[in-house]
Protein backbone atom coordinates (compact mmCIF):
# COMPACT_ATOMS: atom_id res chain seq x y z
CA MET A 1 -127.24 -80.69 15.84
CA GLY A 2 -129.21 -79.36 18.71
CA ARG A 3 -130.77 -80.14 22.03
CA LEU A 4 -133.11 -83.01 22.81
CA SER A 5 -136.72 -81.99 23.19
CA ILE A 6 -138.03 -81.99 26.74
CA SER A 7 -140.73 -84.41 25.52
CA THR A 8 -138.20 -86.99 24.26
CA GLN A 9 -138.87 -90.25 26.07
CA ILE A 10 -135.55 -91.91 26.87
CA LYS A 11 -135.61 -95.68 27.43
CA THR A 12 -131.85 -96.31 27.44
CA VAL A 13 -128.56 -94.42 27.79
CA THR A 14 -125.18 -95.81 26.68
CA VAL A 15 -121.82 -94.11 27.16
CA ASP A 16 -118.81 -95.14 25.07
CA PRO A 17 -116.15 -96.23 27.60
CA GLU A 18 -113.34 -95.39 25.16
CA ARG A 19 -114.78 -91.94 24.39
CA PRO A 20 -116.90 -90.88 27.38
CA GLU A 21 -117.95 -87.70 25.60
CA ARG A 22 -119.90 -89.93 23.15
CA VAL A 23 -123.35 -90.75 24.51
CA TYR A 24 -126.24 -92.58 22.85
CA VAL A 25 -129.88 -92.42 23.98
CA ALA A 26 -132.92 -94.14 22.51
CA GLY A 27 -136.65 -94.50 22.94
CA PRO A 28 -139.89 -94.40 20.98
CA THR A 29 -138.78 -91.39 18.95
CA GLY A 30 -135.47 -92.86 17.79
CA VAL A 31 -131.78 -93.01 18.58
CA PHE A 32 -129.76 -89.87 19.27
CA LYS A 33 -126.02 -89.38 19.65
CA SER A 34 -123.92 -86.73 21.35
CA ASP A 35 -120.18 -86.30 20.83
CA ASP A 36 -119.87 -83.57 23.46
CA ALA A 37 -121.20 -85.26 26.61
CA GLY A 38 -124.80 -84.27 25.99
CA GLN A 39 -124.40 -80.60 25.16
CA THR A 40 -125.74 -81.16 21.63
CA TRP A 41 -127.49 -84.11 19.98
CA GLN A 42 -128.00 -85.43 16.48
CA SER A 43 -130.36 -88.08 15.18
CA ALA A 44 -128.73 -91.48 14.78
CA SER A 45 -131.85 -93.27 13.50
CA GLY A 46 -131.08 -93.80 9.80
CA GLY A 47 -132.81 -97.08 9.01
CA LEU A 48 -134.72 -97.26 12.32
CA GLU A 49 -137.55 -94.88 11.45
CA GLY A 50 -140.76 -95.93 13.20
CA ILE A 51 -138.99 -98.51 15.38
CA GLU A 52 -139.04 -98.16 19.16
CA VAL A 53 -135.61 -98.93 20.60
CA LEU A 54 -135.51 -100.27 24.16
CA ALA A 55 -131.80 -100.99 24.59
CA LEU A 56 -128.43 -100.07 23.08
CA SER A 57 -125.08 -101.80 23.42
CA LEU A 58 -121.59 -101.06 22.13
CA ASP A 59 -119.28 -103.70 20.70
CA PRO A 60 -116.07 -103.65 22.79
CA ALA A 61 -114.10 -105.12 19.88
CA LYS A 62 -115.16 -102.55 17.27
CA GLN A 63 -115.31 -98.90 18.28
CA ASP A 64 -118.17 -97.66 16.06
CA ARG A 65 -120.40 -100.78 16.17
CA VAL A 66 -123.65 -100.24 18.05
CA PHE A 67 -126.48 -102.72 18.62
CA ALA A 68 -130.11 -101.70 19.12
CA ALA A 69 -132.84 -103.95 20.54
CA ALA A 70 -136.29 -103.05 19.29
CA ALA A 71 -139.52 -103.37 21.24
CA ASP A 72 -140.73 -106.01 18.77
CA GLY A 73 -137.74 -108.27 19.49
CA ARG A 74 -135.63 -107.46 16.44
CA VAL A 75 -131.97 -106.49 16.79
CA PHE A 76 -130.24 -103.95 14.54
CA THR A 77 -126.59 -103.04 14.15
CA SER A 78 -124.68 -99.99 13.01
CA ASP A 79 -121.01 -100.09 12.03
CA ASP A 80 -120.72 -96.32 11.66
CA GLY A 81 -121.64 -94.99 15.08
CA GLY A 82 -125.38 -94.85 14.42
CA ALA A 83 -125.35 -93.10 11.04
CA SER A 84 -127.04 -96.11 9.41
CA TRP A 85 -128.63 -99.29 10.71
CA ARG A 86 -129.49 -102.72 9.34
CA PRO A 87 -131.05 -105.89 10.78
CA TRP A 88 -128.44 -107.89 12.66
CA ALA A 89 -127.51 -111.26 11.25
CA LYS A 90 -125.59 -113.50 13.64
């Protein structure tokens, strides 16, 4: 864990309404997650390497499910809070 680089380009920020200390950010360099309100960050891009993420959304029915919309139109989902991602199948 560490700090985000000053050069990290952030395209989207999402705060977990059930756990406001959990914050996700994403952009051309990947998805990052903080569990301490932004004091420290960890990569949450497993499976999204090389994919620019433009938007993130949390599933209100499942606490650790996150959706990521890629710049190329694909949608990915994570059921483990961003630790791993896979293409979303409706």
